Amino acid sequence: MDTREQALKLSQEVVKKLLECGTELDEYYRKIRELRLLEDSLAFQTALLNVEHGFFMVVHSINILREQLNLLIIASKKGEVV
């Protein structure tokens, strides 16, 4: 069974959703960062910094997933698996 066409369609849908999600995450990240910069308590700044790091890790994972999906799209169009 050749699933290239289905994989292509699904990959394109997921890439769109990842871009939407990434934009929202970036907004939340900026808000957390702003709160950290305004915070007086060093201990709470550290907690906010840890949350910022969590956002960074999620965005990094999304970027890796998006790249793999793009490779899948290319492979499905070429008929090759990379």
N, C-alpha and C. Protein backbone atom coordinates (compact mmCIF):
# COMPACT_ATOMS: atom_id res chain seq x y z
N MET A 1 0.84 -1.18 0.00
CA MET A 1 0.00 0.00 0.00
C MET A 1 0.88 1.24 0.00
N ASP A 2 0.64 2.14 -0.91
CA ASP A 2 1.42 3.38 -1.02
C ASP A 2 0.71 4.47 -0.22
N THR A 3 1.36 4.93 0.83
CA THR A 3 0.76 5.93 1.72
C THR A 3 1.35 7.33 1.52
N ARG A 4 2.13 7.52 0.47
CA ARG A 4 2.81 8.81 0.26
C ARG A 4 1.83 9.98 0.22
N GLU A 5 0.75 9.82 -0.52
CA GLU A 5 -0.20 10.93 -0.65
C GLU A 5 -0.84 11.28 0.69
N GLN A 6 -1.20 10.26 1.46
CA GLN A 6 -1.78 10.50 2.78
C GLN A 6 -0.76 11.14 3.71
N ALA A 7 0.47 10.65 3.66
CA ALA A 7 1.53 11.21 4.50
C ALA A 7 1.81 12.66 4.13
N LEU A 8 1.79 12.96 2.85
CA LEU A 8 2.01 14.33 2.38
C LEU A 8 0.93 15.26 2.93
N LYS A 9 -0.31 14.85 2.79
CA LYS A 9 -1.42 15.68 3.26
C LYS A 9 -1.35 15.88 4.77
N LEU A 10 -1.12 14.81 5.50
CA LEU A 10 -1.03 14.88 6.95
C LEU A 10 0.15 15.75 7.39
N SER A 11 1.27 15.58 6.75
CA SER A 11 2.46 16.38 7.08
C SER A 11 2.19 17.87 6.88
N GLN A 12 1.55 18.21 5.79
CA GLN A 12 1.24 19.61 5.52
C GLN A 12 0.29 20.19 6.57
N GLU A 13 -0.69 19.41 6.99
CA GLU A 13 -1.60 19.85 8.05
C GLU A 13 -0.87 20.08 9.36
N VAL A 14 0.00 19.14 9.70
CA VAL A 14 0.74 19.23 10.97
C VAL A 14 1.68 20.43 10.96
N VAL A 15 2.36 20.68 9.84
CA VAL A 15 3.28 21.81 9.76
C VAL A 15 2.51 23.12 10.00
N LYS A 16 1.32 23.25 9.42
CA LYS A 16 0.50 24.45 9.65
C LYS A 16 0.16 24.61 11.13
N LYS A 17 -0.24 23.51 11.76
CA LYS A 17 -0.58 23.55 13.19
C LYS A 17 0.63 23.89 14.04
N LEU A 18 1.79 23.36 13.69
CA LEU A 18 3.00 23.65 14.44
C LEU A 18 3.35 25.13 14.36
N LEU A 19 3.15 25.74 13.20
CA LEU A 19 3.43 27.17 13.05
C LEU A 19 2.47 27.99 13.92
N GLU A 20 1.20 27.62 13.93
CA GLU A 20 0.23 28.31 14.78
C GLU A 20 0.61 28.16 16.25
N CYS A 21 0.90 26.95 16.64
CA CYS A 21 1.26 26.67 18.03
C CYS A 21 2.54 27.41 18.42
N GLY A 22 3.51 27.41 17.53
CA GLY A 22 4.77 28.10 17.79
C GLY A 22 4.58 29.59 18.01
N THR A 23 3.68 30.19 17.25
CA THR A 23 3.40 31.62 17.40
C THR A 23 2.79 31.90 18.78
N GLU A 24 1.85 31.06 19.19
CA GLU A 24 1.24 31.23 20.50
C GLU A 24 2.25 31.02 21.62
N LEU A 25 3.08 29.99 21.49
CA LEU A 25 4.10 29.73 22.50
C LEU A 25 5.07 30.90 22.62
N ASP A 26 5.41 31.50 21.50
CA ASP A 26 6.32 32.65 21.52
C ASP A 26 5.71 33.81 22.29
N GLU A 27 4.42 34.02 22.15
CA GLU A 27 3.75 35.09 22.91
C GLU A 27 3.81 34.81 24.41
N TYR A 28 3.53 33.57 24.79
CA TYR A 28 3.60 33.21 26.21
C TYR A 28 5.03 33.34 26.74
N TYR A 29 5.99 32.91 25.94
CA TYR A 29 7.40 33.03 26.34
C TYR A 29 7.76 34.48 26.61
N ARG A 30 7.35 35.38 25.72
CA ARG A 30 7.65 36.81 25.90
C ARG A 30 7.03 37.36 27.17
N LYS A 31 5.82 36.92 27.49
CA LYS A 31 5.15 37.39 28.71
C LYS A 31 5.89 36.90 29.95
N ILE A 32 6.29 35.64 29.94
CA ILE A 32 7.04 35.08 31.07
C ILE A 32 8.37 35.82 31.23
N ARG A 33 9.04 36.07 30.12
CA ARG A 33 10.32 36.79 30.17
C ARG A 33 10.14 38.19 30.73
N GLU A 34 9.09 38.86 30.31
CA GLU A 34 8.82 40.20 30.81
C GLU A 34 8.58 40.18 32.32
N LEU A 35 7.83 39.18 32.78
CA LEU A 35 7.59 39.05 34.22
C LEU A 35 8.90 38.82 34.97
N ARG A 36 9.76 37.99 34.40
CA ARG A 36 11.06 37.72 35.06
C ARG A 36 11.88 38.98 35.18
N LEU A 37 11.88 39.79 34.12
CA LEU A 37 12.68 41.02 34.15
C LEU A 37 12.12 42.04 35.13
N LEU A 38 10.83 41.97 35.40
CA LEU A 38 10.20 42.90 36.34
C LEU A 38 10.25 42.41 37.79
N GLU A 39 10.50 41.12 37.98
CA GLU A 39 10.45 40.50 39.30
C GLU A 39 11.62 40.94 40.19
N ASP A 40 11.30 41.23 41.46
CA ASP A 40 12.33 41.64 42.42
C ASP A 40 12.98 40.44 43.12
N SER A 41 12.21 39.40 43.37
CA SER A 41 12.70 38.24 44.09
C SER A 41 13.60 37.39 43.20
N LEU A 42 14.83 37.20 43.65
CA LEU A 42 15.78 36.39 42.88
C LEU A 42 15.31 34.93 42.77
N ALA A 43 14.72 34.42 43.85
CA ALA A 43 14.24 33.03 43.84
C ALA A 43 13.13 32.86 42.80
N PHE A 44 12.21 33.83 42.74
CA PHE A 44 11.12 33.71 41.78
C PHE A 44 11.61 33.97 40.36
N GLN A 45 12.63 34.83 40.22
CA GLN A 45 13.25 35.02 38.90
C GLN A 45 13.80 33.70 38.38
N THR A 46 14.39 32.92 39.28
CA THR A 46 14.94 31.62 38.91
C THR A 46 13.82 30.68 38.45
N ALA A 47 12.70 30.70 39.16
CA ALA A 47 11.57 29.86 38.77
C ALA A 47 11.06 30.28 37.38
N LEU A 48 10.96 31.58 37.14
CA LEU A 48 10.51 32.07 35.84
C LEU A 48 11.52 31.72 34.75
N LEU A 49 12.81 31.78 35.08
CA LEU A 49 13.84 31.42 34.12
C LEU A 49 13.73 29.94 33.74
N ASN A 50 13.40 29.11 34.72
CA ASN A 50 13.20 27.68 34.43
C ASN A 50 12.02 27.47 33.48
N VAL A 51 10.97 28.27 33.64
CA VAL A 51 9.82 28.18 32.74
C VAL A 51 10.25 28.63 31.34
N GLU A 52 11.03 29.71 31.26
CA GLU A 52 11.55 30.16 29.97
C GLU A 52 12.33 29.04 29.29
N HIS A 53 13.15 28.35 30.05
CA HIS A 53 13.93 27.25 29.51
C HIS A 53 13.02 26.15 28.99
N GLY A 54 11.93 25.87 29.72
CA GLY A 54 10.96 24.89 29.26
C GLY A 54 10.35 25.28 27.92
N PHE A 55 10.02 26.56 27.78
CA PHE A 55 9.50 27.05 26.50
C PHE A 55 10.53 26.85 25.40
N PHE A 56 11.79 27.15 25.70
CA PHE A 56 12.85 26.98 24.71
C PHE A 56 12.93 25.53 24.26
N MET A 57 12.87 24.60 25.20
CA MET A 57 12.97 23.18 24.86
C MET A 57 11.79 22.74 24.00
N VAL A 58 10.60 23.23 24.31
CA VAL A 58 9.42 22.86 23.52
C VAL A 58 9.55 23.40 22.09
N VAL A 59 9.97 24.65 21.97
CA VAL A 59 10.13 25.25 20.65
C VAL A 59 11.21 24.52 19.85
N HIS A 60 12.28 24.15 20.53
CA HIS A 60 13.35 23.40 19.87
C HIS A 60 12.81 22.06 19.35
N SER A 61 12.03 21.39 20.16
CA SER A 61 11.44 20.11 19.73
C SER A 61 10.49 20.31 18.56
N ILE A 62 9.70 21.38 18.59
CA ILE A 62 8.80 21.68 17.48
C ILE A 62 9.59 21.92 16.20
N ASN A 63 10.71 22.63 16.31
CA ASN A 63 11.54 22.89 15.13
C ASN A 63 12.10 21.60 14.55
N ILE A 64 12.52 20.69 15.42
CA ILE A 64 13.03 19.40 14.95
C ILE A 64 11.91 18.63 14.25
N LEU A 65 10.72 18.61 14.85
CA LEU A 65 9.60 17.91 14.26
C LEU A 65 9.23 18.53 12.91
N ARG A 66 9.22 19.84 12.84
CA ARG A 66 8.89 20.52 11.59
C ARG A 66 9.90 20.17 10.50
N GLU A 67 11.17 20.12 10.85
CA GLU A 67 12.20 19.75 9.88
C GLU A 67 12.01 18.32 9.39
N GLN A 68 11.69 17.41 10.30
CA GLN A 68 11.47 16.02 9.90
C GLN A 68 10.23 15.90 9.01
N LEU A 69 9.20 16.67 9.31
CA LEU A 69 8.01 16.67 8.46
C LEU A 69 8.31 17.22 7.07
N ASN A 70 9.14 18.25 7.02
CA ASN A 70 9.53 18.80 5.72
C ASN A 70 10.32 17.78 4.91
N LEU A 71 11.19 17.02 5.57
CA LEU A 71 11.92 15.96 4.88
C LEU A 71 10.97 14.87 4.38
N LEU A 72 9.94 14.58 5.19
CA LEU A 72 8.95 13.60 4.77
C LEU A 72 8.18 14.10 3.55
N ILE A 73 7.86 15.38 3.53
CA ILE A 73 7.16 15.97 2.38
C ILE A 73 8.02 15.84 1.13
N ILE A 74 9.29 16.17 1.26
CA ILE A 74 10.21 16.06 0.11
C ILE A 74 10.30 14.61 -0.36
N ALA A 75 10.44 13.70 0.60
CA ALA A 75 10.55 12.28 0.24
C ALA A 75 9.28 11.78 -0.43
N SER A 76 8.13 12.24 0.03
CA SER A 76 6.88 11.76 -0.58
C SER A 76 6.71 12.28 -1.99
N LYS A 77 7.22 13.46 -2.26
CA LYS A 77 7.12 14.02 -3.60
C LYS A 77 8.12 13.34 -4.55
N LYS A 78 9.27 12.99 -4.04
CA LYS A 78 10.29 12.35 -4.86
C LYS A 78 10.09 10.84 -4.98
N GLY A 79 9.33 10.31 -4.04
CA GLY A 79 9.15 8.87 -4.04
C GLY A 79 10.32 8.14 -3.39
N GLU A 80 11.10 8.87 -2.60
CA GLU A 80 12.25 8.28 -1.93
C GLU A 80 12.10 8.49 -0.43
N VAL A 81 12.70 7.60 0.30
CA VAL A 81 12.78 7.77 1.74
C VAL A 81 14.20 8.13 2.09
N VAL A 82 14.37 9.22 2.86
CA VAL A 82 15.72 9.68 3.22
C VAL A 82 16.07 9.25 4.61
